[in-house]
PDB file of N, CA and C in Angstrom:
ATOM      1  N   UNK A   1       0.845  -1.180   0.000  1.00  0.00           N
ATOM      2  CA  UNK A   1       0.000   0.000   0.000  1.00  0.00           C
ATOM      3  C   UNK A   1       0.888   1.241   0.000  1.00  0.00           C
ATOM      4  N   UNK A   2       0.609   2.153  -0.865  1.00  0.00           N
ATOM      5  CA  UNK A   2       1.424   3.369  -0.950  1.00  0.00           C
ATOM      6  C   UNK A   2       0.897   4.433   0.009  1.00  0.00           C
ATOM      7  N   UNK A   3       1.700   5.460   0.191  1.00  0.00           N
ATOM      8  CA  UNK A   3       1.326   6.566   1.079  1.00  0.00           C
ATOM      9  C   UNK A   3       0.633   7.687   0.317  1.00  0.00           C
ATOM     10  N   UNK A   4      -0.122   7.357  -0.695  1.00  0.00           N
ATOM     11  CA  UNK A   4      -0.788   8.374  -1.497  1.00  0.00           C
ATOM     12  C   UNK A   4      -1.892   9.097  -0.735  1.00  0.00           C
ATOM     13  N   UNK A   5      -2.271   8.589   0.422  1.00  0.00           N
ATOM     14  CA  UNK A   5      -3.324   9.228   1.200  1.00  0.00           C
ATOM     15  C   UNK A   5      -2.857  10.547   1.796  1.00  0.00           C
ATOM     16  N   UNK A   6      -1.543  10.744   1.856  1.00  0.00           N
ATOM     17  CA  UNK A   6      -1.016  12.002   2.385  1.00  0.00           C
ATOM     18  C   UNK A   6      -1.139  13.083   1.322  1.00  0.00           C
ATOM     19  N   UNK A   7      -1.694  14.194   1.716  1.00  0.00           N
ATOM     20  CA  UNK A   7      -1.867  15.288   0.770  1.00  0.00           C
ATOM     21  C   UNK A   7      -0.609  16.143   0.656  1.00  0.00           C
ATOM     22  N   UNK A   8       0.163  16.224   1.747  1.00  0.00           N
ATOM     23  CA  UNK A   8       1.376  17.031   1.719  1.00  0.00           C
ATOM     24  C   UNK A   8       2.404  16.416   2.661  1.00  0.00           C
ATOM     25  N   UNK A   9       3.679  16.753   2.461  1.00  0.00           N
ATOM     26  CA  UNK A   9       4.709  16.232   3.369  1.00  0.00           C
ATOM     27  C   UNK A   9       4.548  16.811   4.766  1.00  0.00           C
ATOM     28  N   UNK A  10       5.278  16.218   5.705  1.00  0.00           N
ATOM     29  CA  UNK A  10       5.213  16.720   7.078  1.00  0.00           C
ATOM     30  C   UNK A  10       5.680  18.167   7.121  1.00  0.00           C
ATOM     31  N   UNK A  11       5.081  18.961   7.988  1.00  0.00           N
ATOM     32  CA  UNK A  11       5.485  20.370   8.106  1.00  0.00           C
ATOM     33  C   UNK A  11       6.963  20.493   8.486  1.00  0.00           C
ATOM     34  N   UNK A  12       7.594  21.544   8.046  1.00  0.00           N
ATOM     35  CA  UNK A  12       9.028  21.743   8.288  1.00  0.00           C
ATOM     36  C   UNK A  12       9.374  21.848   9.769  1.00  0.00           C
ATOM     37  N   UNK A  13       8.419  22.291  10.601  1.00  0.00           N
ATOM     38  CA  UNK A  13       8.722  22.423  12.025  1.00  0.00           C
ATOM     39  C   UNK A  13       8.806  21.072  12.720  1.00  0.00           C
ATOM     40  N   UNK A  14       8.508  19.979  12.023  1.00  0.00           N
ATOM     41  CA  UNK A  14       8.678  18.633  12.575  1.00  0.00           C
ATOM     42  C   UNK A  14       9.885  17.931  11.942  1.00  0.00           C
ATOM     43  N   UNK A  15      10.732  18.683  11.256  1.00  0.00           N
ATOM     44  CA  UNK A  15      11.877  18.091  10.568  1.00  0.00           C
ATOM     45  C   UNK A  15      13.158  18.772  11.031  1.00  0.00           C
ATOM     46  N   UNK A  16      14.163  17.966  11.384  1.00  0.00           N
ATOM     47  CA  UNK A  16      15.437  18.504  11.833  1.00  0.00           C
ATOM     48  C   UNK A  16      16.202  19.188  10.718  1.00  0.00           C
ATOM     49  N   UNK A  17      16.980  20.176  11.082  1.00  0.00           N
ATOM     50  CA  UNK A  17      17.725  20.962  10.090  1.00  0.00           C
ATOM     51  C   UNK A  17      19.028  20.285   9.662  1.00  0.00           C
ATOM     52  N   UNK A  18      19.682  19.552  10.551  1.00  0.00           N
ATOM     53  CA  UNK A  18      20.991  18.978  10.236  1.00  0.00           C
ATOM     54  C   UNK A  18      20.862  17.650   9.491  1.00  0.00           C
ATOM     55  N   UNK A  19      20.147  16.700  10.076  1.00  0.00           N
ATOM     56  CA  UNK A  19      20.051  15.362   9.481  1.00  0.00           C
ATOM     57  C   UNK A  19      18.719  15.109   8.784  1.00  0.00           C
ATOM     58  N   UNK A  20      17.764  15.987   8.986  1.00  0.00           N
ATOM     59  CA  UNK A  20      16.477  15.861   8.311  1.00  0.00           C
ATOM     60  C   UNK A  20      15.539  14.828   8.901  1.00  0.00           C
ATOM     61  N   UNK A  21      15.848  14.342  10.120  1.00  0.00           N
ATOM     62  CA  UNK A  21      14.942  13.389  10.753  1.00  0.00           C
ATOM     63  C   UNK A  21      13.634  14.091  11.076  1.00  0.00           C
ATOM     64  N   UNK A  22      12.548  13.369  10.920  1.00  0.00           N
ATOM     65  CA  UNK A  22      11.254  13.918  11.302  1.00  0.00           C
ATOM     66  C   UNK A  22      10.938  13.485  12.730  1.00  0.00           C
ATOM     67  N   UNK A  23      10.059  14.215  13.364  1.00  0.00           N
ATOM     68  CA  UNK A  23       9.626  13.860  14.716  1.00  0.00           C
ATOM     69  C   UNK A  23       9.056  12.440  14.717  1.00  0.00           C
ATOM     70  N   UNK A  24       8.317  12.106  13.699  1.00  0.00           N
ATOM     71  CA  UNK A  24       7.724  10.770  13.596  1.00  0.00           C
ATOM     72  C   UNK A  24       8.800   9.691  13.521  1.00  0.00           C
ATOM     73  N   UNK A  25       9.868   9.942  12.778  1.00  0.00           N
ATOM     74  CA  UNK A  25      10.950   8.970  12.680  1.00  0.00           C
ATOM     75  C   UNK A  25      11.636   8.757  14.031  1.00  0.00           C
ATOM     76  N   UNK A  26      11.833   9.830  14.773  1.00  0.00           N
ATOM     77  CA  UNK A  26      12.442   9.725  16.102  1.00  0.00           C
ATOM     78  C   UNK A  26      11.526   8.930  17.027  1.00  0.00           C
ATOM     79  N   UNK A  27      10.256   9.265  17.034  1.00  0.00           N
ATOM     80  CA  UNK A  27       9.275   8.577  17.874  1.00  0.00           C
ATOM     81  C   UNK A  27       9.228   7.085  17.529  1.00  0.00           C
ATOM     82  N   UNK A  28       9.179   6.765  16.248  1.00  0.00           N
ATOM     83  CA  UNK A  28       9.125   5.363  15.821  1.00  0.00           C
ATOM     84  C   UNK A  28      10.405   4.622  16.190  1.00  0.00           C
ATOM     85  N   UNK A  29      11.559   5.255  15.970  1.00  0.00           N
ATOM     86  CA  UNK A  29      12.835   4.605  16.230  1.00  0.00           C
ATOM     87  C   UNK A  29      13.008   4.267  17.709  1.00  0.00           C
ATOM     88  N   UNK A  30      12.543   5.143  18.580  1.00  0.00           N
ATOM     89  CA  UNK A  30      12.682   4.922  20.014  1.00  0.00           C
ATOM     90  C   UNK A  30      11.483   4.179  20.612  1.00  0.00           C
ATOM     91  N   UNK A  31      10.486   3.866  19.778  1.00  0.00           N
ATOM     92  CA  UNK A  31       9.288   3.135  20.211  1.00  0.00           C
ATOM     93  C   UNK A  31       8.661   3.768  21.450  1.00  0.00           C
ATOM     94  N   UNK A  32       8.404   5.066  21.365  1.00  0.00           N
ATOM     95  CA  UNK A  32       7.869   5.813  22.496  1.00  0.00           C
ATOM     96  C   UNK A  32       6.382   5.553  22.684  1.00  0.00           C
ATOM     97  N   UNK A  33       5.942   5.631  23.934  1.00  0.00           N
ATOM     98  CA  UNK A  33       4.514   5.536  24.229  1.00  0.00           C
ATOM     99  C   UNK A  33       3.825   6.771  23.658  1.00  0.00           C
ATOM    100  N   UNK A  34       2.518   6.730  23.611  1.00  0.00           N
ATOM    101  CA  UNK A  34       1.793   7.838  22.981  1.00  0.00           C
ATOM    102  C   UNK A  34       1.998   9.168  23.701  1.00  0.00           C
ATOM    103  N   UNK A  35       1.953   9.170  25.041  1.00  0.00           N
ATOM    104  CA  UNK A  35       2.133  10.435  25.766  1.00  0.00           C
ATOM    105  C   UNK A  35       3.563  10.953  25.619  1.00  0.00           C
ATOM    106  N   UNK A  36       4.542  10.066  25.726  1.00  0.00           N
ATOM    107  CA  UNK A  36       5.936  10.482  25.578  1.00  0.00           C
ATOM    108  C   UNK A  36       6.193  10.978  24.159  1.00  0.00           C
ATOM    109  N   UNK A  37       5.628  10.298  23.192  1.00  0.00           N
ATOM    110  CA  UNK A  37       5.775  10.718  21.796  1.00  0.00           C
ATOM    111  C   UNK A  37       5.206  12.117  21.585  1.00  0.00           C
ATOM    112  N   UNK A  38       4.057  12.365  22.169  1.00  0.00           N
ATOM    113  CA  UNK A  38       3.444  13.681  22.030  1.00  0.00           C
ATOM    114  C   UNK A  38       4.321  14.753  22.672  1.00  0.00           C
ATOM    115  N   UNK A  39       4.905  14.449  23.829  1.00  0.00           N
ATOM    116  CA  UNK A  39       5.791  15.402  24.502  1.00  0.00           C
ATOM    117  C   UNK A  39       7.006  15.713  23.634  1.00  0.00           C
ATOM    118  N   UNK A  40       7.596  14.695  23.041  1.00  0.00           N
ATOM    119  CA  UNK A  40       8.765  14.890  22.173  1.00  0.00           C
ATOM    120  C   UNK A  40       8.396  15.775  20.991  1.00  0.00           C
ATOM    121  N   UNK A  41       7.236  15.549  20.417  1.00  0.00           N
ATOM    122  CA  UNK A  41       6.805  16.364  19.283  1.00  0.00           C
ATOM    123  C   UNK A  41       6.632  17.827  19.685  1.00  0.00           C
ATOM    124  N   UNK A  42       6.042  18.056  20.857  1.00  0.00           N
ATOM    125  CA  UNK A  42       5.903  19.442  21.330  1.00  0.00           C
ATOM    126  C   UNK A  42       7.264  20.091  21.544  1.00  0.00           C
ATOM    127  N   UNK A  43       8.197  19.347  22.122  1.00  0.00           N
ATOM    128  CA  UNK A  43       9.540  19.885  22.373  1.00  0.00           C
ATOM    129  C   UNK A  43      10.257  20.191  21.057  1.00  0.00           C
ATOM    130  N   UNK A  44      10.182  19.280  20.109  1.00  0.00           N
ATOM    131  CA  UNK A  44      10.875  19.477  18.837  1.00  0.00           C
ATOM    132  C   UNK A  44      10.317  20.650  18.034  1.00  0.00           C
ATOM    133  N   UNK A  45       9.038  20.907  18.173  1.00  0.00           N
ATOM    134  CA  UNK A  45       8.443  22.009  17.401  1.00  0.00           C
ATOM    135  C   UNK A  45       8.408  23.326  18.173  1.00  0.00           C
ATOM    136  N   UNK A  46       8.791  23.317  19.448  1.00  0.00           N
ATOM    137  CA  UNK A  46       8.683  24.508  20.307  1.00  0.00           C
ATOM    138  C   UNK A  46       9.307  25.731  19.633  1.00  0.00           C
ATOM    139  N   UNK A  47       8.494  26.738  19.442  1.00  0.00           N
ATOM    140  CA  UNK A  47       8.950  27.982  18.845  1.00  0.00           C
ATOM    141  C   UNK A  47       9.120  27.947  17.342  1.00  0.00           C
ATOM    142  N   UNK A  48       8.879  26.800  16.723  1.00  0.00           N
ATOM    143  CA  UNK A  48       9.038  26.695  15.266  1.00  0.00           C
ATOM    144  C   UNK A  48       7.713  26.791  14.530  1.00  0.00           C
ATOM    145  N   UNK A  49       6.671  26.175  15.085  1.00  0.00           N
ATOM    146  CA  UNK A  49       5.361  26.249  14.448  1.00  0.00           C
ATOM    147  C   UNK A  49       4.829  27.671  14.560  1.00  0.00           C
ATOM    148  N   UNK A  50       4.914  28.208  15.748  1.00  0.00           N
ATOM    149  CA  UNK A  50       4.483  29.588  16.001  1.00  0.00           C
ATOM    150  C   UNK A  50       5.481  30.184  16.987  1.00  0.00           C
ATOM    151  N   UNK A  51       6.263  31.132  16.533  1.00  0.00           N
ATOM    152  CA  UNK A  51       7.339  31.698  17.352  1.00  0.00           C
ATOM    153  C   UNK A  51       6.842  32.295  18.666  1.00  0.00           C
ATOM    154  N   UNK A  52       5.600  32.733  18.698  1.00  0.00           N
ATOM    155  CA  UNK A  52       5.044  33.333  19.912  1.00  0.00           C
ATOM    156  C   UNK A  52       4.537  32.298  20.915  1.00  0.00           C
ATOM    157  N   UNK A  53       4.598  31.011  20.550  1.00  0.00           N
ATOM    158  CA  UNK A  53       4.049  29.973  21.424  1.00  0.00           C
ATOM    159  C   UNK A  53       5.114  29.004  21.928  1.00  0.00           C
ATOM    160  N   UNK A  54       6.357  29.437  21.982  1.00  0.00           N
ATOM    161  CA  UNK A  54       7.453  28.595  22.454  1.00  0.00           C
ATOM    162  C   UNK A  54       7.159  28.075  23.873  1.00  0.00           C
ATOM    163  N   UNK A  55       6.805  28.971  24.775  1.00  0.00           N
ATOM    164  CA  UNK A  55       6.519  28.594  26.161  1.00  0.00           C
ATOM    165  C   UNK A  55       5.311  27.665  26.217  1.00  0.00           C
ATOM    166  N   UNK A  56       4.299  27.952  25.436  1.00  0.00           N
ATOM    167  CA  UNK A  56       3.089  27.120  25.423  1.00  0.00           C
ATOM    168  C   UNK A  56       3.413  25.688  24.980  1.00  0.00           C
ATOM    169  N   UNK A  57       4.262  25.542  23.957  1.00  0.00           N
ATOM    170  CA  UNK A  57       4.644  24.205  23.505  1.00  0.00           C
ATOM    171  C   UNK A  57       5.397  23.444  24.588  1.00  0.00           C
ATOM    172  N   UNK A  58       6.310  24.105  25.301  1.00  0.00           N
ATOM    173  CA  UNK A  58       7.038  23.465  26.393  1.00  0.00           C
ATOM    174  C   UNK A  58       6.067  23.071  27.510  1.00  0.00           C
ATOM    175  N   UNK A  59       5.098  23.932  27.817  1.00  0.00           N
ATOM    176  CA  UNK A  59       4.115  23.615  28.858  1.00  0.00           C
ATOM    177  C   UNK A  59       3.256  22.420  28.448  1.00  0.00           C
ATOM    178  N   UNK A  60       2.899  22.347  27.186  1.00  0.00           N
ATOM    179  CA  UNK A  60       2.121  21.200  26.706  1.00  0.00           C
ATOM    180  C   UNK A  60       2.930  19.916  26.862  1.00  0.00           C
ATOM    181  N   UNK A  61       4.223  19.970  26.563  1.00  0.00           N
ATOM    182  CA  UNK A  61       5.087  18.797  26.731  1.00  0.00           C
ATOM    183  C   UNK A  61       5.123  18.361  28.193  1.00  0.00           C
ATOM    184  N   UNK A  62       5.257  19.317  29.090  1.00  0.00           N
ATOM    185  CA  UNK A  62       5.266  19.007  30.523  1.00  0.00           C
ATOM    186  C   UNK A  62       3.939  18.382  30.936  1.00  0.00           C
ATOM    187  N   UNK A  63       2.847  18.924  30.449  1.00  0.00           N
ATOM    188  CA  UNK A  63       1.515  18.397  30.802  1.00  0.00           C
ATOM    189  C   UNK A  63       1.361  16.939  30.372  1.00  0.00           C
ATOM    190  N   UNK A  64       1.731  16.630  29.134  1.00  0.00           N
ATOM    191  CA  UNK A  64       1.549  15.252  28.673  1.00  0.00           C
ATOM    192  C   UNK A  64       2.538  14.307  29.344  1.00  0.00           C
ATOM    193  N   UNK A  65       3.691  14.810  29.782  1.00  0.00           N
ATOM    194  CA  UNK A  65       4.604  13.960  30.550  1.00  0.00           C
ATOM    195  C   UNK A  65       4.012  13.628  31.919  1.00  0.00           C
ATOM    196  N   UNK A  66       3.230  14.542  32.485  1.00  0.00           N
ATOM    197  CA  UNK A  66       2.506  14.234  33.719  1.00  0.00           C
ATOM    198  C   UNK A  66       1.480  13.123  33.472  1.00  0.00           C
ATOM    199  N   UNK A  67       0.818  13.150  32.318  1.00  0.00           N
ATOM    200  CA  UNK A  67      -0.118  12.078  31.971  1.00  0.00           C
ATOM    201  C   UNK A  67       0.617  10.745  31.879  1.00  0.00           C
ATOM    202  N   UNK A  68       1.812  10.766  31.285  1.00  0.00           N
ATOM    203  CA  UNK A  68       2.609   9.544  31.158  1.00  0.00           C
ATOM    204  C   UNK A  68       3.036   9.033  32.535  1.00  0.00           C
ATOM    205  N   UNK A  69       3.451   9.933  33.414  1.00  0.00           N
ATOM    206  CA  UNK A  69       3.816   9.526  34.769  1.00  0.00           C
ATOM    207  C   UNK A  69       2.626   8.906  35.493  1.00  0.00           C
ATOM    208  N   UNK A  70       1.453   9.493  35.352  1.00  0.00           N
ATOM    209  CA  UNK A  70       0.243   8.923  35.953  1.00  0.00           C
ATOM    210  C   UNK A  70      -0.012   7.514  35.425  1.00  0.00           C
ATOM    211  N   UNK A  71       0.154   7.336  34.126  1.00  0.00           N
ATOM    212  CA  UNK A  71      -0.065   6.020  33.509  1.00  0.00           C
ATOM    213  C   UNK A  71       0.910   4.998  34.084  1.00  0.00           C
ATOM    214  N   UNK A  72       2.184   5.385  34.185  1.00  0.00           N
ATOM    215  CA  UNK A  72       3.213   4.476  34.708  1.00  0.00           C
ATOM    216  C   UNK A  72       2.947   4.139  36.174  1.00  0.00           C
ATOM    217  N   UNK A  73       2.647   5.157  36.975  1.00  0.00           N
ATOM    218  CA  UNK A  73       2.348   4.910  38.392  1.00  0.00           C
ATOM    219  C   UNK A  73       1.149   3.993  38.551  1.00  0.00           C
ATOM    220  N   UNK A  74       0.115   4.203  37.750  1.00  0.00           N
ATOM    221  CA  UNK A  74      -1.084   3.368  37.824  1.00  0.00           C
ATOM    222  C   UNK A  74      -0.770   1.920  37.457  1.00  0.00           C
ATOM    223  N   UNK A  75       0.044   1.713  36.443  1.00  0.00           N
ATOM    224  CA  UNK A  75       0.434   0.351  36.063  1.00  0.00           C
ATOM    225  C   UNK A  75       1.270  -0.296  37.152  1.00  0.00           C
ATOM    226  N   UNK A  76       2.171   0.474  37.726  1.00  0.00           N
ATOM    227  CA  UNK A  76       3.073  -0.057  38.770  1.00  0.00           C
ATOM    228  C   UNK A  76       2.300  -0.447  40.026  1.00  0.00           C
ATOM    229  N   UNK A  77       1.277   0.315  40.345  1.00  0.00           N
ATOM    230  CA  UNK A  77       0.527   0.076  41.574  1.00  0.00           C
ATOM    231  C   UNK A  77      -0.631  -0.899  41.415  1.00  0.00           C
ATOM    232  N   UNK A  78      -0.855  -1.385  40.202  1.00  0.00           N
ATOM    233  CA  UNK A  78      -1.893  -2.391  39.974  1.00  0.00           C
ATOM    234  C   UNK A  78      -1.398  -3.726  40.517  1.00  0.00           C
ATOM    235  N   UNK A  79      -2.265  -4.374  41.228  1.00  0.00           N
ATOM    236  CA  UNK A  79      -1.868  -5.685  41.783  1.00  0.00           C
ATOM    237  C   UNK A  79      -2.787  -6.748  41.255  1.00  0.00           C
TER     238      UNK A  79
END
């Protein structure tokens, strides 16, 4: 099956400048959980998607990492 369903390539703010890795490639390579993956994406795009929202992107990353910590604690405490 081809990727013809994509209308456009990934936005430039999700692509590294030096090696050209995309946020998705990093997430896939490290096999991150959904919350951790979302945090990484927010961190990688911080200040790039919208220069005025750098702090907001970092705060969103922190928020979803709290969700991930809750998930881990809940799994650990399940008996």
